[in-house]
Amino acid sequence: MQLTNKVALITGAGSGIGKAAALLLAKEGAKIAAVDHTPEESQETIEKIQQDGGEAMTTIADISQPRQMQEAIQKIGEQFGRIDIVFANAGINGVWAPIEELAPEEWDKTIQTNLKGTFLTVKYAIPYLKQQGGSVIITSSVNGTRIFSNTGATAYSCSKAAQVAFTKMVALELAKYRIRVNVICPGAIETAIGESTQQRNLEKIKEPVEFPQGRIPLTDGKPGTADQVAQLVFFLASDASNHISGTEIWIDGAESLLQG
């Protein structure tokens, strides 16, 4: 198996893309270290991996809190002795609302979770990655990178655009240590993240946009799956992508080319 004995730190492993990636990387031989806000979120994933003969553990932390993330990643290092792969995946959609109605604290929560959370996840894993090199994969979005027509998603889109800039900056900084950093930009994917989106009064500001039949050209309008994104994560985590760093990859069935 390509990832045998490698340790993969995954945030948001309890559902959606994070869960699919954890299960696939474990199947390919990696030891999984999940970081989630509550133990219940990732416990099912961890138990599934262990039942299938893999090694996995979960740690509890709010990704936007420095001390919690530092302690969680230290526990992972103590448990497994190394970290080879970091999948900074956890994030929120937050509040989508007209800019004059978006409260400063709502803006802050989205930026703190998505952008600061990415920063902290990578920051505290770097000492372990430096020991042997490794791969960092960050989950951004088509929003803020190619699509800007989701009116009201200002805080979310800004956080996702910033993740791409973050990726390019640290990819160059960390290249000398054989640490690769890449960012994936999923489009419409069948996950539960949309259920937590809070939308307010968007009808009055939304710009009309007309599309041909189906929003996703490659699949006649059907969204992608978490398993498809997990395959991309596996590629970027493996040596098959060992000369790719500082790159954003859209996985959206050409959706963003139509809607941008």
C-alpha atoms as a PDB file:
ATOM      1  CA  MET A   1       0.000   0.000   0.000  1.00  0.00           C
ATOM      2  CA  GLN A   2       1.333   3.422  -0.980  1.00  0.00           C
ATOM      3  CA  LEU A   3       0.924   5.099   2.411  1.00  0.00           C
ATOM      4  CA  THR A   4       2.073   2.274   4.676  1.00  0.00           C
ATOM      5  CA  ASN A   5       3.354   3.541   8.040  1.00  0.00           C
ATOM      6  CA  LYS A   6       2.646   7.164   7.164  1.00  0.00           C
ATOM      7  CA  VAL A   7       0.591   9.234   9.587  1.00  0.00           C
ATOM      8  CA  ALA A   8      -2.194  11.456   8.264  1.00  0.00           C
ATOM      9  CA  LEU A   9      -3.617  14.276  10.379  1.00  0.00           C
ATOM     10  CA  ILE A  10      -7.141  15.091   9.207  1.00  0.00           C
ATOM     11  CA  THR A  11      -9.404  17.830  10.542  1.00  0.00           C
ATOM     12  CA  GLY A  12     -13.129  17.352  10.143  1.00  0.00           C
ATOM     13  CA  ALA A  13     -12.890  13.584   9.709  1.00  0.00           C
ATOM     14  CA  GLY A  14     -16.351  12.944  11.089  1.00  0.00           C
ATOM     15  CA  SER A  15     -18.302  13.503   7.894  1.00  0.00           C
ATOM     16  CA  GLY A  16     -18.220  14.399   4.219  1.00  0.00           C
ATOM     17  CA  ILE A  17     -14.893  14.873   2.492  1.00  0.00           C
ATOM     18  CA  GLY A  18     -12.871  14.452   5.695  1.00  0.00           C
ATOM     19  CA  LYS A  19     -14.476  11.117   6.488  1.00  0.00           C
ATOM     20  CA  ALA A  20     -14.108   9.823   2.936  1.00  0.00           C
ATOM     21  CA  ALA A  21     -10.445  10.848   2.894  1.00  0.00           C
ATOM     22  CA  ALA A  22      -9.757   9.248   6.280  1.00  0.00           C
ATOM     23  CA  LEU A  23     -11.262   5.935   5.193  1.00  0.00           C
ATOM     24  CA  LEU A  24      -9.401   5.920   1.866  1.00  0.00           C
ATOM     25  CA  LEU A  25      -6.020   6.917   3.286  1.00  0.00           C
ATOM     26  CA  ALA A  26      -6.414   4.268   5.991  1.00  0.00           C
ATOM     27  CA  LYS A  27      -7.246   1.676   3.331  1.00  0.00           C
ATOM     28  CA  GLU A  28      -4.022   2.671   1.558  1.00  0.00           C
ATOM     29  CA  GLY A  29      -2.002   2.034   4.716  1.00  0.00           C
ATOM     30  CA  ALA A  30      -1.900   5.354   6.557  1.00  0.00           C
ATOM     31  CA  LYS A  31      -2.415   5.750  10.278  1.00  0.00           C
ATOM     32  CA  ILE A  32      -5.180   8.293  10.812  1.00  0.00           C
ATOM     33  CA  ALA A  33      -5.137  11.041  13.438  1.00  0.00           C
ATOM     34  CA  ALA A  34      -8.463  12.880  13.460  1.00  0.00           C
ATOM     35  CA  VAL A  35      -8.930  16.325  14.976  1.00  0.00           C
ATOM     36  CA  ASP A  36     -12.529  17.304  15.643  1.00  0.00           C
ATOM     37  CA  HIS A  37     -14.504  19.695  17.812  1.00  0.00           C
ATOM     38  CA  THR A  38     -16.211  16.866  19.728  1.00  0.00           C
ATOM     39  CA  PRO A  39     -15.302  13.160  20.015  1.00  0.00           C
ATOM     40  CA  GLU A  40     -18.675  12.113  18.632  1.00  0.00           C
ATOM     41  CA  GLU A  41     -17.938  13.769  15.289  1.00  0.00           C
ATOM     42  CA  SER A  42     -15.086  11.466  14.289  1.00  0.00           C
ATOM     43  CA  GLN A  43     -15.601   8.441  16.531  1.00  0.00           C
ATOM     44  CA  GLU A  44     -17.587   6.507  13.926  1.00  0.00           C
ATOM     45  CA  THR A  45     -14.819   7.086  11.377  1.00  0.00           C
ATOM     46  CA  ILE A  46     -12.131   5.956  13.808  1.00  0.00           C
ATOM     47  CA  GLU A  47     -14.053   2.832  14.793  1.00  0.00           C
ATOM     48  CA  LYS A  48     -14.604   1.897  11.145  1.00  0.00           C
ATOM     49  CA  ILE A  49     -10.884   2.165  10.441  1.00  0.00           C
ATOM     50  CA  GLN A  50     -10.016   0.085  13.487  1.00  0.00           C
ATOM     51  CA  GLN A  51     -12.592  -2.573  12.609  1.00  0.00           C
ATOM     52  CA  ASP A  52     -10.950  -2.869   9.196  1.00  0.00           C
ATOM     53  CA  GLY A  53      -7.563  -3.472  10.807  1.00  0.00           C
ATOM     54  CA  GLY A  54      -6.158   0.028  10.563  1.00  0.00           C
ATOM     55  CA  GLU A  55      -4.678   2.320  13.188  1.00  0.00           C
ATOM     56  CA  ALA A  56      -6.495   5.510  14.126  1.00  0.00           C
ATOM     57  CA  MET A  57      -6.956   7.950  16.961  1.00  0.00           C
ATOM     58  CA  THR A  58      -9.013  11.060  17.609  1.00  0.00           C
ATOM     59  CA  THR A  59      -8.120  14.258  19.407  1.00  0.00           C
ATOM     60  CA  ILE A  60     -10.435  17.054  20.450  1.00  0.00           C
ATOM     61  CA  ALA A  61      -9.834  20.674  19.487  1.00  0.00           C
ATOM     62  CA  ASP A  62     -11.476  23.762  18.056  1.00  0.00           C
ATOM     63  CA  ILE A  63      -9.291  24.455  15.028  1.00  0.00           C
ATOM     64  CA  SER A  64      -9.492  28.224  15.635  1.00  0.00           C
ATOM     65  CA  GLN A  65      -7.968  27.960  19.134  1.00  0.00           C
ATOM     66  CA  PRO A  66      -4.134  27.947  19.239  1.00  0.00           C
ATOM     67  CA  ARG A  67      -3.623  26.158  22.550  1.00  0.00           C
ATOM     68  CA  GLN A  68      -6.160  23.456  21.730  1.00  0.00           C
ATOM     69  CA  MET A  69      -4.588  22.785  18.328  1.00  0.00           C
ATOM     70  CA  GLN A  70      -1.054  22.791  19.692  1.00  0.00           C
ATOM     71  CA  GLU A  71      -2.015  20.270  22.364  1.00  0.00           C
ATOM     72  CA  ALA A  72      -3.984  18.076  19.951  1.00  0.00           C
ATOM     73  CA  ILE A  73      -1.138  17.874  17.456  1.00  0.00           C
ATOM     74  CA  GLN A  74       1.360  17.230  20.252  1.00  0.00           C
ATOM     75  CA  LYS A  75      -0.765  14.237  21.332  1.00  0.00           C
ATOM     76  CA  ILE A  76      -0.692  12.915  17.787  1.00  0.00           C
ATOM     77  CA  GLY A  77       3.078  13.261  17.679  1.00  0.00           C
ATOM     78  CA  GLU A  78       3.420  11.451  20.988  1.00  0.00           C
ATOM     79  CA  GLN A  79       1.095   8.646  19.870  1.00  0.00           C
ATOM     80  CA  PHE A  80       2.540   7.971  16.416  1.00  0.00           C
ATOM     81  CA  GLY A  81       5.986   9.598  16.563  1.00  0.00           C
ATOM     82  CA  ARG A  82       5.566  11.393  13.243  1.00  0.00           C
ATOM     83  CA  ILE A  83       3.200  13.229  10.917  1.00  0.00           C
ATOM     84  CA  ASP A  84       3.582  12.821   7.155  1.00  0.00           C
ATOM     85  CA  ILE A  85       0.292  14.107   5.763  1.00  0.00           C
ATOM     86  CA  VAL A  86      -1.845  17.030   6.883  1.00  0.00           C
ATOM     87  CA  PHE A  87      -5.336  17.396   5.450  1.00  0.00           C
ATOM     88  CA  ALA A  88      -6.599  20.768   6.699  1.00  0.00           C
ATOM     89  CA  ASN A  89     -10.196  20.150   5.769  1.00  0.00           C
ATOM     90  CA  ALA A  90     -12.466  21.387   8.565  1.00  0.00           C
ATOM     91  CA  GLY A  91     -14.432  24.552   7.946  1.00  0.00           C
ATOM     92  CA  ILE A  92     -17.829  26.212   7.999  1.00  0.00           C
ATOM     93  CA  ASN A  93     -20.044  28.001   5.484  1.00  0.00           C
ATOM     94  CA  GLY A  94     -21.031  30.506   8.158  1.00  0.00           C
ATOM     95  CA  VAL A  95     -23.582  33.250   7.576  1.00  0.00           C
ATOM     96  CA  TRP A  96     -24.478  34.373   4.062  1.00  0.00           C
ATOM     97  CA  ALA A  97     -26.144  37.797   4.145  1.00  0.00           C
ATOM     98  CA  PRO A  98     -26.032  41.255   2.541  1.00  0.00           C
ATOM     99  CA  ILE A  99     -22.812  42.997   3.521  1.00  0.00           C
ATOM    100  CA  GLU A 100     -24.582  45.732   5.521  1.00  0.00           C
ATOM    101  CA  GLU A 101     -26.475  43.078   7.480  1.00  0.00           C
ATOM    102  CA  LEU A 102     -23.518  40.780   8.116  1.00  0.00           C
ATOM    103  CA  ALA A 103     -22.509  41.269  11.739  1.00  0.00           C
ATOM    104  CA  PRO A 104     -18.802  41.727  12.516  1.00  0.00           C
ATOM    105  CA  GLU A 105     -18.892  38.733  14.854  1.00  0.00           C
ATOM    106  CA  GLU A 106     -20.392  36.583  12.058  1.00  0.00           C
ATOM    107  CA  TRP A 107     -17.587  37.672   9.735  1.00  0.00           C
ATOM    108  CA  ASP A 108     -15.002  36.945  12.432  1.00  0.00           C
ATOM    109  CA  LYS A 109     -16.304  33.455  13.144  1.00  0.00           C
ATOM    110  CA  THR A 110     -16.048  32.403   9.496  1.00  0.00           C
ATOM    111  CA  ILE A 111     -12.578  33.869   9.039  1.00  0.00           C
ATOM    112  CA  GLN A 112     -11.358  32.501  12.374  1.00  0.00           C
ATOM    113  CA  THR A 113     -12.571  28.991  11.627  1.00  0.00           C
ATOM    114  CA  ASN A 114     -11.655  28.666   7.974  1.00  0.00           C
ATOM    115  CA  LEU A 115      -8.494  30.757   7.652  1.00  0.00           C
ATOM    116  CA  LYS A 116      -7.013  30.873  11.138  1.00  0.00           C
ATOM    117  CA  GLY A 117      -7.956  27.218  11.584  1.00  0.00           C
ATOM    118  CA  THR A 118      -5.960  26.326   8.463  1.00  0.00           C
ATOM    119  CA  PHE A 119      -3.009  28.380   9.681  1.00  0.00           C
ATOM    120  CA  LEU A 120      -2.969  26.727  13.104  1.00  0.00           C
ATOM    121  CA  THR A 121      -3.371  23.214  11.700  1.00  0.00           C
ATOM    122  CA  VAL A 122      -0.372  23.644   9.413  1.00  0.00           C
ATOM    123  CA  LYS A 123       1.716  25.710  11.834  1.00  0.00           C
ATOM    124  CA  TYR A 124       1.763  23.186  14.643  1.00  0.00           C
ATOM    125  CA  ALA A 125       2.305  20.214  12.324  1.00  0.00           C
ATOM    126  CA  ILE A 126       5.380  21.693  10.633  1.00  0.00           C
ATOM    127  CA  PRO A 127       7.964  20.500  13.207  1.00  0.00           C
ATOM    128  CA  TYR A 128       6.818  16.924  12.594  1.00  0.00           C
ATOM    129  CA  LEU A 129       6.665  17.307   8.811  1.00  0.00           C
ATOM    130  CA  LYS A 130      10.194  18.723   8.754  1.00  0.00           C
ATOM    131  CA  GLN A 131      11.583  15.483  10.152  1.00  0.00           C
ATOM    132  CA  GLN A 132      11.054  13.568   6.901  1.00  0.00           C
ATOM    133  CA  GLY A 133       9.122  15.818   4.535  1.00  0.00           C
ATOM    134  CA  GLY A 134       5.477  15.334   3.692  1.00  0.00           C
ATOM    135  CA  SER A 135       2.331  16.633   2.070  1.00  0.00           C
ATOM    136  CA  VAL A 136      -0.150  19.291   3.182  1.00  0.00           C
ATOM    137  CA  ILE A 137      -3.551  19.446   1.497  1.00  0.00           C
ATOM    138  CA  ILE A 138      -5.966  22.290   2.216  1.00  0.00           C
ATOM    139  CA  THR A 139      -9.675  22.323   1.398  1.00  0.00           C
ATOM    140  CA  SER A 140     -10.698  25.599  -0.201  1.00  0.00           C
ATOM    141  CA  SER A 141     -13.678  25.968  -2.572  1.00  0.00           C
ATOM    142  CA  VAL A 142     -14.767  27.161  -5.994  1.00  0.00           C
ATOM    143  CA  ASN A 143     -16.266  30.095  -4.073  1.00  0.00           C
ATOM    144  CA  GLY A 144     -13.723  32.859  -3.833  1.00  0.00           C
ATOM    145  CA  THR A 145     -11.447  31.251  -6.419  1.00  0.00           C
ATOM    146  CA  ARG A 146     -13.590  30.972  -9.554  1.00  0.00           C
ATOM    147  CA  ILE A 147     -17.210  31.563  -8.536  1.00  0.00           C
ATOM    148  CA  PHE A 148     -18.339  34.939  -7.209  1.00  0.00           C
ATOM    149  CA  SER A 149     -22.065  34.730  -7.991  1.00  0.00           C
ATOM    150  CA  ASN A 150     -23.140  33.264  -4.640  1.00  0.00           C
ATOM    151  CA  THR A 151     -24.247  36.625  -3.333  1.00  0.00           C
ATOM    152  CA  GLY A 152     -23.933  37.061   0.422  1.00  0.00           C
ATOM    153  CA  ALA A 153     -21.164  34.492   0.840  1.00  0.00           C
ATOM    154  CA  THR A 154     -18.614  37.280   1.282  1.00  0.00           C
ATOM    155  CA  ALA A 155     -16.906  36.084   4.457  1.00  0.00           C
ATOM    156  CA  TYR A 156     -16.831  32.486   3.248  1.00  0.00           C
ATOM    157  CA  SER A 157     -15.457  33.410  -0.179  1.00  0.00           C
ATOM    158  CA  CYS A 158     -12.788  35.659   1.324  1.00  0.00           C
ATOM    159  CA  SER A 159     -11.650  32.876   3.646  1.00  0.00           C
ATOM    160  CA  LYS A 160     -11.452  30.440   0.724  1.00  0.00           C
ATOM    161  CA  ALA A 161      -9.529  32.863  -1.505  1.00  0.00           C
ATOM    162  CA  ALA A 162      -7.084  33.496   1.332  1.00  0.00           C
ATOM    163  CA  GLN A 163      -6.457  29.763   1.724  1.00  0.00           C
ATOM    164  CA  VAL A 164      -5.122  29.696  -1.837  1.00  0.00           C
ATOM    165  CA  ALA A 165      -2.715  32.555  -1.106  1.00  0.00           C
ATOM    166  CA  PHE A 166      -1.682  30.839   2.127  1.00  0.00           C
ATOM    167  CA  THR A 167      -0.948  27.651   0.184  1.00  0.00           C
ATOM    168  CA  LYS A 168       1.326  29.402  -2.297  1.00  0.00           C
ATOM    169  CA  MET A 169       3.215  31.292   0.394  1.00  0.00           C
ATOM    170  CA  VAL A 170       3.954  28.299   2.594  1.00  0.00           C
ATOM    171  CA  ALA A 171       4.630  25.966  -0.352  1.00  0.00           C
ATOM    172  CA  LEU A 172       7.620  28.091  -1.279  1.00  0.00           C
ATOM    173  CA  GLU A 173       8.728  28.551   2.321  1.00  0.00           C
ATOM    174  CA  LEU A 174       8.590  24.843   3.114  1.00  0.00           C
ATOM    175  CA  ALA A 175       9.930  23.411  -0.156  1.00  0.00           C
ATOM    176  CA  LYS A 176      13.473  23.215   1.225  1.00  0.00           C
ATOM    177  CA  TYR A 177      12.190  20.747   3.814  1.00  0.00           C
ATOM    178  CA  ARG A 178      10.568  18.528   1.136  1.00  0.00           C
ATOM    179  CA  ILE A 179       7.118  19.549   2.340  1.00  0.00           C
ATOM    180  CA  ARG A 180       4.595  19.952  -0.464  1.00  0.00           C
ATOM    181  CA  VAL A 181       1.534  22.175   0.021  1.00  0.00           C
ATOM    182  CA  ASN A 182      -1.464  22.094  -2.304  1.00  0.00           C
ATOM    183  CA  VAL A 183      -5.071  23.244  -2.141  1.00  0.00           C
ATOM    184  CA  ILE A 184      -8.202  21.614  -3.521  1.00  0.00           C
ATOM    185  CA  CYS A 185     -11.248  23.620  -4.598  1.00  0.00           C
ATOM    186  CA  PRO A 186     -14.362  21.439  -4.621  1.00  0.00           C
ATOM    187  CA  GLY A 187     -17.574  22.542  -6.292  1.00  0.00           C
ATOM    188  CA  ALA A 188     -20.967  21.075  -5.472  1.00  0.00           C
ATOM    189  CA  ILE A 189     -20.247  17.910  -3.480  1.00  0.00           C
ATOM    190  CA  GLU A 190     -22.732  15.697  -1.673  1.00  0.00           C
ATOM    191  CA  THR A 191     -21.882  16.571   1.942  1.00  0.00           C
ATOM    192  CA  ALA A 192     -23.753  17.958   4.939  1.00  0.00           C
ATOM    193  CA  ILE A 193     -21.894  21.302   5.145  1.00  0.00           C
ATOM    194  CA  GLY A 194     -24.759  23.146   3.469  1.00  0.00           C
ATOM    195  CA  GLU A 195     -27.054  22.228   6.336  1.00  0.00           C
ATOM    196  CA  SER A 196     -25.167  24.617   8.627  1.00  0.00           C
ATOM    197  CA  THR A 197     -25.279  27.568   6.230  1.00  0.00           C
ATOM    198  CA  GLN A 198     -27.257  30.496   7.617  1.00  0.00           C
ATOM    199  CA  GLN A 199     -28.795  32.565   4.808  1.00  0.00           C
ATOM    200  CA  ARG A 200     -30.561  35.892   5.421  1.00  0.00           C
ATOM    201  CA  ASN A 201     -32.337  38.278   3.048  1.00  0.00           C
ATOM    202  CA  LEU A 202     -30.409  37.237  -0.051  1.00  0.00           C
ATOM    203  CA  GLU A 203     -33.305  37.604  -2.482  1.00  0.00           C
ATOM    204  CA  LYS A 204     -33.081  41.401  -2.620  1.00  0.00           C
ATOM    205  CA  ILE A 205     -29.379  41.478  -3.538  1.00  0.00           C
ATOM    206  CA  LYS A 206     -28.930  38.359  -5.670  1.00  0.00           C
ATOM    207  CA  GLU A 207     -27.966  39.043  -9.269  1.00  0.00           C
ATOM    208  CA  PRO A 208     -29.867  37.025 -11.907  1.00  0.00           C
ATOM    209  CA  VAL A 209     -27.709  34.416 -13.618  1.00  0.00           C
ATOM    210  CA  GLU A 210     -28.902  32.093 -16.358  1.00  0.00           C
ATOM    211  CA  PHE A 211     -27.334  28.702 -16.968  1.00  0.00           C
ATOM    212  CA  PRO A 212     -27.713  26.052 -19.641  1.00  0.00           C
ATOM    213  CA  GLN A 213     -29.414  22.828 -18.596  1.00  0.00           C
ATOM    214  CA  GLY A 214     -27.630  21.622 -15.465  1.00  0.00           C
ATOM    215  CA  ARG A 215     -25.166  23.566 -13.327  1.00  0.00           C
ATOM    216  CA  ILE A 216     -22.408  20.941 -13.639  1.00  0.00           C
ATOM    217  CA  PRO A 217     -21.633  20.269 -17.309  1.00  0.00           C
ATOM    218  CA  LEU A 218     -19.576  17.101 -16.840  1.00  0.00           C
ATOM    219  CA  THR A 219     -22.333  15.203 -15.037  1.00  0.00           C
ATOM    220  CA  ASP A 220     -25.562  16.703 -16.393  1.00  0.00           C
ATOM    221  CA  GLY A 221     -26.052  18.718 -13.235  1.00  0.00           C
ATOM    222  CA  LYS A 222     -25.310  16.014 -10.661  1.00  0.00           C
ATOM    223  CA  PRO A 223     -22.992  17.011  -7.789  1.00  0.00           C
ATOM    224  CA  GLY A 224     -19.739  15.225  -7.144  1.00  0.00           C
ATOM    225  CA  THR A 225     -19.189  12.849  -4.242  1.00  0.00           C
ATOM    226  CA  ALA A 226     -16.962  12.967  -1.197  1.00  0.00           C
ATOM    227  CA  ASP A 227     -15.280   9.783  -2.436  1.00  0.00           C
ATOM    228  CA  GLN A 228     -14.224  11.533  -5.640  1.00  0.00           C
ATOM    229  CA  VAL A 229     -12.610  14.314  -3.629  1.00  0.00           C
ATOM    230  CA  ALA A 230     -10.960  11.729  -1.387  1.00  0.00           C
ATOM    231  CA  GLN A 231      -9.282  10.222  -4.457  1.00  0.00           C
ATOM    232  CA  LEU A 232      -7.747  13.644  -5.198  1.00  0.00           C
ATOM    233  CA  VAL A 233      -6.578  13.945  -1.592  1.00  0.00           C
ATOM    234  CA  PHE A 234      -4.980  10.491  -1.866  1.00  0.00           C
ATOM    235  CA  PHE A 235      -3.161  11.508  -5.052  1.00  0.00           C
ATOM    236  CA  LEU A 236      -1.782  14.650  -3.423  1.00  0.00           C
ATOM    237  CA  ALA A 237      -0.814  12.735  -0.284  1.00  0.00           C
ATOM    238  CA  SER A 238       1.025  10.049  -2.241  1.00  0.00           C
ATOM    239  CA  ASP A 239       4.368  10.021  -4.019  1.00  0.00           C
ATOM    240  CA  ALA A 240       2.485  10.052  -7.331  1.00  0.00           C
ATOM    241  CA  SER A 241       2.314  13.848  -6.877  1.00  0.00           C
ATOM    242  CA  ASN A 242       5.845  14.312  -5.556  1.00  0.00           C
ATOM    243  CA  HIS A 243       6.654  17.200  -7.922  1.00  0.00           C
ATOM    244  CA  ILE A 244       3.447  19.158  -7.329  1.00  0.00           C
ATOM    245  CA  SER A 245       3.412  21.972  -4.787  1.00  0.00           C
ATOM    246  CA  GLY A 246       1.834  25.405  -4.480  1.00  0.00           C
ATOM    247  CA  THR A 247      -0.974  24.383  -6.804  1.00  0.00           C
ATOM    248  CA  GLU A 248      -4.742  24.794  -6.590  1.00  0.00           C
ATOM    249  CA  ILE A 249      -6.842  22.043  -8.169  1.00  0.00           C
ATOM    250  CA  TRP A 250     -10.540  22.498  -8.903  1.00  0.00           C
ATOM    251  CA  ILE A 251     -12.698  19.397  -8.630  1.00  0.00           C
ATOM    252  CA  ASP A 252     -16.123  20.505  -9.779  1.00  0.00           C
ATOM    253  CA  GLY A 253     -17.075  18.898 -13.096  1.00  0.00           C
ATOM    254  CA  ALA A 254     -16.391  22.259 -14.845  1.00  0.00           C
ATOM    255  CA  GLU A 255     -19.072  23.938 -12.702  1.00  0.00           C
ATOM    256  CA  SER A 256     -16.928  26.975 -11.925  1.00  0.00           C
ATOM    257  CA  LEU A 257     -16.128  27.582 -15.592  1.00  0.00           C
ATOM    258  CA  LEU A 258     -19.834  27.949 -16.274  1.00  0.00           C
ATOM    259  CA  GLN A 259     -20.730  30.037 -13.231  1.00  0.00           C
ATOM    260  CA  GLY A 260     -17.755  32.275 -12.734  1.00  0.00           C
END
